[in-house]
Amino acid sequence: MDRLLTVKSIVTLILTLVFGYLSVTQGVTDNFMTIYAVVIAFYYGTQAKKET
């Protein structure tokens, strides 16, 4: 399970960096925003579920 958590963390970090870059260059598309929102919601949803 620790490996999955590490992979999720890395993917989330990379997506956040890409989002930041696209925001600065004004290249954020609706499709990317949807994917980013789903990944972030899934990551934090599983973190909150694990803590309770």
PDB file of N, CA and C in Angstrom:
ATOM      1  N   MET A   1       0.822  -1.198   0.000  1.00  0.00           N
ATOM      2  CA  MET A   1       0.000   0.000   0.000  1.00  0.00           C
ATOM      3  C   MET A   1       0.863   1.258   0.000  1.00  0.00           C
ATOM      4  N   ASP A   2       2.039   1.176   0.616  1.00  0.00           N
ATOM      5  CA  ASP A   2       2.917   2.342   0.658  1.00  0.00           C
ATOM      6  C   ASP A   2       3.394   2.740  -0.727  1.00  0.00           C
ATOM      7  N   ARG A   3       3.620   1.754  -1.577  1.00  0.00           N
ATOM      8  CA  ARG A   3       4.041   2.075  -2.946  1.00  0.00           C
ATOM      9  C   ARG A   3       2.964   2.822  -3.701  1.00  0.00           C
ATOM     10  N   LEU A   4       1.724   2.408  -3.540  1.00  0.00           N
ATOM     11  CA  LEU A   4       0.609   3.075  -4.202  1.00  0.00           C
ATOM     12  C   LEU A   4       0.507   4.514  -3.714  1.00  0.00           C
ATOM     13  N   LEU A   5       0.668   4.709  -2.434  1.00  0.00           N
ATOM     14  CA  LEU A   5       0.620   6.054  -1.871  1.00  0.00           C
ATOM     15  C   LEU A   5       1.736   6.915  -2.452  1.00  0.00           C
ATOM     16  N   THR A   6       2.908   6.355  -2.600  1.00  0.00           N
ATOM     17  CA  THR A   6       4.032   7.090  -3.174  1.00  0.00           C
ATOM     18  C   THR A   6       3.757   7.434  -4.630  1.00  0.00           C
ATOM     19  N   VAL A   7       3.224   6.500  -5.388  1.00  0.00           N
ATOM     20  CA  VAL A   7       2.910   6.755  -6.796  1.00  0.00           C
ATOM     21  C   VAL A   7       1.846   7.838  -6.906  1.00  0.00           C
ATOM     22  N   LYS A   8       0.818   7.771  -6.074  1.00  0.00           N
ATOM     23  CA  LYS A   8      -0.226   8.800  -6.097  1.00  0.00           C
ATOM     24  C   LYS A   8       0.361  10.160  -5.756  1.00  0.00           C
ATOM     25  N   SER A   9       1.254  10.200  -4.790  1.00  0.00           N
ATOM     26  CA  SER A   9       1.872  11.467  -4.410  1.00  0.00           C
ATOM     27  C   SER A   9       2.702  12.051  -5.543  1.00  0.00           C
ATOM     28  N   ILE A  10       3.465  11.203  -6.216  1.00  0.00           N
ATOM     29  CA  ILE A  10       4.292  11.658  -7.333  1.00  0.00           C
ATOM     30  C   ILE A  10       3.426  12.163  -8.473  1.00  0.00           C
ATOM     31  N   VAL A  11       2.376  11.428  -8.817  1.00  0.00           N
ATOM     32  CA  VAL A  11       1.476  11.837  -9.901  1.00  0.00           C
ATOM     33  C   VAL A  11       0.806  13.159  -9.550  1.00  0.00           C
ATOM     34  N   THR A  12       0.361  13.290  -8.323  1.00  0.00           N
ATOM     35  CA  THR A  12      -0.286  14.530  -7.897  1.00  0.00           C
ATOM     36  C   THR A  12       0.687  15.699  -7.952  1.00  0.00           C
ATOM     37  N   LEU A  13       1.905  15.490  -7.509  1.00  0.00           N
ATOM     38  CA  LEU A  13       2.917  16.547  -7.543  1.00  0.00           C
ATOM     39  C   LEU A  13       3.231  16.966  -8.976  1.00  0.00           C
ATOM     40  N   ILE A  14       3.388  16.002  -9.865  1.00  0.00           N
ATOM     41  CA  ILE A  14       3.672  16.311 -11.274  1.00  0.00           C
ATOM     42  C   ILE A  14       2.507  17.071 -11.898  1.00  0.00           C
ATOM     43  N   LEU A  15       1.289  16.602 -11.663  1.00  0.00           N
ATOM     44  CA  LEU A  15       0.126  17.298 -12.209  1.00  0.00           C
ATOM     45  C   LEU A  15       0.012  18.727 -11.677  1.00  0.00           C
ATOM     46  N   THR A  16       0.347  18.925 -10.415  1.00  0.00           N
ATOM     47  CA  THR A  16       0.292  20.256  -9.829  1.00  0.00           C
ATOM     48  C   THR A  16       1.345  21.166 -10.460  1.00  0.00           C
ATOM     49  N   LEU A  17       2.538  20.632 -10.697  1.00  0.00           N
ATOM     50  CA  LEU A  17       3.579  21.415 -11.370  1.00  0.00           C
ATOM     51  C   LEU A  17       3.171  21.776 -12.798  1.00  0.00           C
ATOM     52  N   VAL A  18       2.592  20.816 -13.505  1.00  0.00           N
ATOM     53  CA  VAL A  18       2.124  21.075 -14.870  1.00  0.00           C
ATOM     54  C   VAL A  18       1.002  22.111 -14.844  1.00  0.00           C
ATOM     55  N   PHE A  19       0.101  21.988 -13.888  1.00  0.00           N
ATOM     56  CA  PHE A  19      -0.978  22.966 -13.764  1.00  0.00           C
ATOM     57  C   PHE A  19      -0.419  24.367 -13.520  1.00  0.00           C
ATOM     58  N   GLY A  20       0.570  24.464 -12.638  1.00  0.00           N
ATOM     59  CA  GLY A  20       1.196  25.753 -12.379  1.00  0.00           C
ATOM     60  C   GLY A  20       1.835  26.340 -13.623  1.00  0.00           C
ATOM     61  N   TYR A  21       2.546  25.505 -14.365  1.00  0.00           N
ATOM     62  CA  TYR A  21       3.183  25.967 -15.602  1.00  0.00           C
ATOM     63  C   TYR A  21       2.137  26.429 -16.616  1.00  0.00           C
ATOM     64  N   LEU A  22       1.097  25.628 -16.807  1.00  0.00           N
ATOM     65  CA  LEU A  22       0.051  25.987 -17.765  1.00  0.00           C
ATOM     66  C   LEU A  22      -0.702  27.242 -17.332  1.00  0.00           C
ATOM     67  N   SER A  23      -0.844  27.432 -16.025  1.00  0.00           N
ATOM     68  CA  SER A  23      -1.506  28.645 -15.542  1.00  0.00           C
ATOM     69  C   SER A  23      -0.688  29.883 -15.876  1.00  0.00           C
ATOM     70  N   VAL A  24       0.626  29.776 -15.711  1.00  0.00           N
ATOM     71  CA  VAL A  24       1.502  30.917 -16.001  1.00  0.00           C
ATOM     72  C   VAL A  24       1.511  31.224 -17.494  1.00  0.00           C
ATOM     73  N   THR A  25       1.521  30.177 -18.313  1.00  0.00           N
ATOM     74  CA  THR A  25       1.562  30.377 -19.767  1.00  0.00           C
ATOM     75  C   THR A  25       0.171  30.500 -20.372  1.00  0.00           C
ATOM     76  N   GLN A  26      -0.862  30.469 -19.519  1.00  0.00           N
ATOM     77  CA  GLN A  26      -2.264  30.572 -19.939  1.00  0.00           C
ATOM     78  C   GLN A  26      -2.647  29.486 -20.943  1.00  0.00           C
ATOM     79  N   GLY A  27      -2.190  28.272 -20.684  1.00  0.00           N
ATOM     80  CA  GLY A  27      -2.494  27.159 -21.564  1.00  0.00           C
ATOM     81  C   GLY A  27      -3.399  26.119 -20.941  1.00  0.00           C
ATOM     82  N   VAL A  28      -4.074  26.472 -19.839  1.00  0.00           N
ATOM     83  CA  VAL A  28      -4.956  25.524 -19.158  1.00  0.00           C
ATOM     84  C   VAL A  28      -6.228  25.340 -19.983  1.00  0.00           C
ATOM     85  N   THR A  29      -6.539  24.089 -20.316  1.00  0.00           N
ATOM     86  CA  THR A  29      -7.753  23.789 -21.068  1.00  0.00           C
ATOM     87  C   THR A  29      -8.807  23.209 -20.123  1.00  0.00           C
ATOM     88  N   ASP A  30     -10.029  23.162 -20.589  1.00  0.00           N
ATOM     89  CA  ASP A  30     -11.114  22.588 -19.781  1.00  0.00           C
ATOM     90  C   ASP A  30     -10.870  21.108 -19.511  1.00  0.00           C
ATOM     91  N   ASN A  31     -10.352  20.392 -20.504  1.00  0.00           N
ATOM     92  CA  ASN A  31     -10.082  18.964 -20.318  1.00  0.00           C
ATOM     93  C   ASN A  31      -9.031  18.737 -19.242  1.00  0.00           C
ATOM     94  N   PHE A  32      -7.975  19.535 -19.253  1.00  0.00           N
ATOM     95  CA  PHE A  32      -6.932  19.391 -18.229  1.00  0.00           C
ATOM     96  C   PHE A  32      -7.486  19.721 -16.853  1.00  0.00           C
ATOM     97  N   MET A  33      -8.301  20.760 -16.755  1.00  0.00           N
ATOM     98  CA  MET A  33      -8.897  21.132 -15.474  1.00  0.00           C
ATOM     99  C   MET A  33      -9.760  20.007 -14.917  1.00  0.00           C
ATOM    100  N   THR A  34     -10.502  19.344 -15.795  1.00  0.00           N
ATOM    101  CA  THR A  34     -11.349  18.232 -15.364  1.00  0.00           C
ATOM    102  C   THR A  34     -10.500  17.087 -14.830  1.00  0.00           C
ATOM    103  N   ILE A  35      -9.475  16.711 -15.566  1.00  0.00           N
ATOM    104  CA  ILE A  35      -8.595  15.618 -15.151  1.00  0.00           C
ATOM    105  C   ILE A  35      -7.897  15.974 -13.842  1.00  0.00           C
ATOM    106  N   TYR A  36      -7.384  17.188 -13.764  1.00  0.00           N
ATOM    107  CA  TYR A  36      -6.681  17.635 -12.562  1.00  0.00           C
ATOM    108  C   TYR A  36      -7.614  17.606 -11.345  1.00  0.00           C
ATOM    109  N   ALA A  37      -8.820  18.098 -11.505  1.00  0.00           N
ATOM    110  CA  ALA A  37      -9.778  18.120 -10.398  1.00  0.00           C
ATOM    111  C   ALA A  37     -10.126  16.707  -9.935  1.00  0.00           C
ATOM    112  N   VAL A  38     -10.285  15.789 -10.860  1.00  0.00           N
ATOM    113  CA  VAL A  38     -10.615  14.408 -10.500  1.00  0.00           C
ATOM    114  C   VAL A  38      -9.455  13.762  -9.743  1.00  0.00           C
ATOM    115  N   VAL A  39      -8.248  13.950 -10.225  1.00  0.00           N
ATOM    116  CA  VAL A  39      -7.078  13.354  -9.566  1.00  0.00           C
ATOM    117  C   VAL A  39      -6.905  13.925  -8.164  1.00  0.00           C
ATOM    118  N   ILE A  40      -7.009  15.235  -8.017  1.00  0.00           N
ATOM    119  CA  ILE A  40      -6.853  15.859  -6.700  1.00  0.00           C
ATOM    120  C   ILE A  40      -7.971  15.404  -5.757  1.00  0.00           C
ATOM    121  N   ALA A  41      -9.201  15.362  -6.248  1.00  0.00           N
ATOM    122  CA  ALA A  41     -10.319  14.917  -5.410  1.00  0.00           C
ATOM    123  C   ALA A  41     -10.127  13.461  -4.979  1.00  0.00           C
ATOM    124  N   PHE A  42      -9.672  12.618  -5.885  1.00  0.00           N
ATOM    125  CA  PHE A  42      -9.434  11.219  -5.543  1.00  0.00           C
ATOM    126  C   PHE A  42      -8.327  11.095  -4.510  1.00  0.00           C
ATOM    127  N   TYR A  43      -7.236  11.813  -4.709  1.00  0.00           N
ATOM    128  CA  TYR A  43      -6.100  11.720  -3.801  1.00  0.00           C
ATOM    129  C   TYR A  43      -6.482  12.169  -2.396  1.00  0.00           C
ATOM    130  N   TYR A  44      -7.096  13.350  -2.290  1.00  0.00           N
ATOM    131  CA  TYR A  44      -7.459  13.837  -0.971  1.00  0.00           C
ATOM    132  C   TYR A  44      -8.643  13.088  -0.389  1.00  0.00           C
ATOM    133  N   GLY A  45      -9.503  12.541  -1.226  1.00  0.00           N
ATOM    134  CA  GLY A  45     -10.605  11.724  -0.736  1.00  0.00           C
ATOM    135  C   GLY A  45     -10.113  10.443  -0.097  1.00  0.00           C
ATOM    136  N   THR A  46      -9.124   9.809  -0.698  1.00  0.00           N
ATOM    137  CA  THR A  46      -8.580   8.585  -0.116  1.00  0.00           C
ATOM    138  C   THR A  46      -7.749   8.893   1.110  1.00  0.00           C
ATOM    139  N   GLN A  47      -7.091  10.050   1.171  1.00  0.00           N
ATOM    140  CA  GLN A  47      -6.317  10.433   2.353  1.00  0.00           C
ATOM    141  C   GLN A  47      -7.258  10.663   3.530  1.00  0.00           C
ATOM    142  N   ALA A  48      -8.349  11.379   3.315  1.00  0.00           N
ATOM    143  CA  ALA A  48      -9.295  11.664   4.390  1.00  0.00           C
ATOM    144  C   ALA A  48      -9.963  10.381   4.873  1.00  0.00           C
ATOM    145  N   LYS A  49     -10.278   9.483   3.952  1.00  0.00           N
ATOM    146  CA  LYS A  49     -10.914   8.223   4.289  1.00  0.00           C
ATOM    147  C   LYS A  49      -9.965   7.355   5.134  1.00  0.00           C
ATOM    148  N   LYS A  50      -8.693   7.374   4.799  1.00  0.00           N
ATOM    149  CA  LYS A  50      -7.699   6.568   5.507  1.00  0.00           C
ATOM    150  C   LYS A  50      -7.500   7.055   6.939  1.00  0.00           C
ATOM    151  N   GLU A  51      -7.559   8.364   7.164  1.00  0.00           N
ATOM    152  CA  GLU A  51      -7.328   8.925   8.485  1.00  0.00           C
ATOM    153  C   GLU A  51      -8.462   8.663   9.448  1.00  0.00           C
ATOM    154  N   THR A  52      -9.682   8.454   8.966  1.00  0.00           N
ATOM    155  CA  THR A  52     -10.823   8.251   9.867  1.00  0.00           C
ATOM    156  C   THR A  52     -11.018   6.815  10.221  1.00  0.00           C
TER     157      THR A  52
END
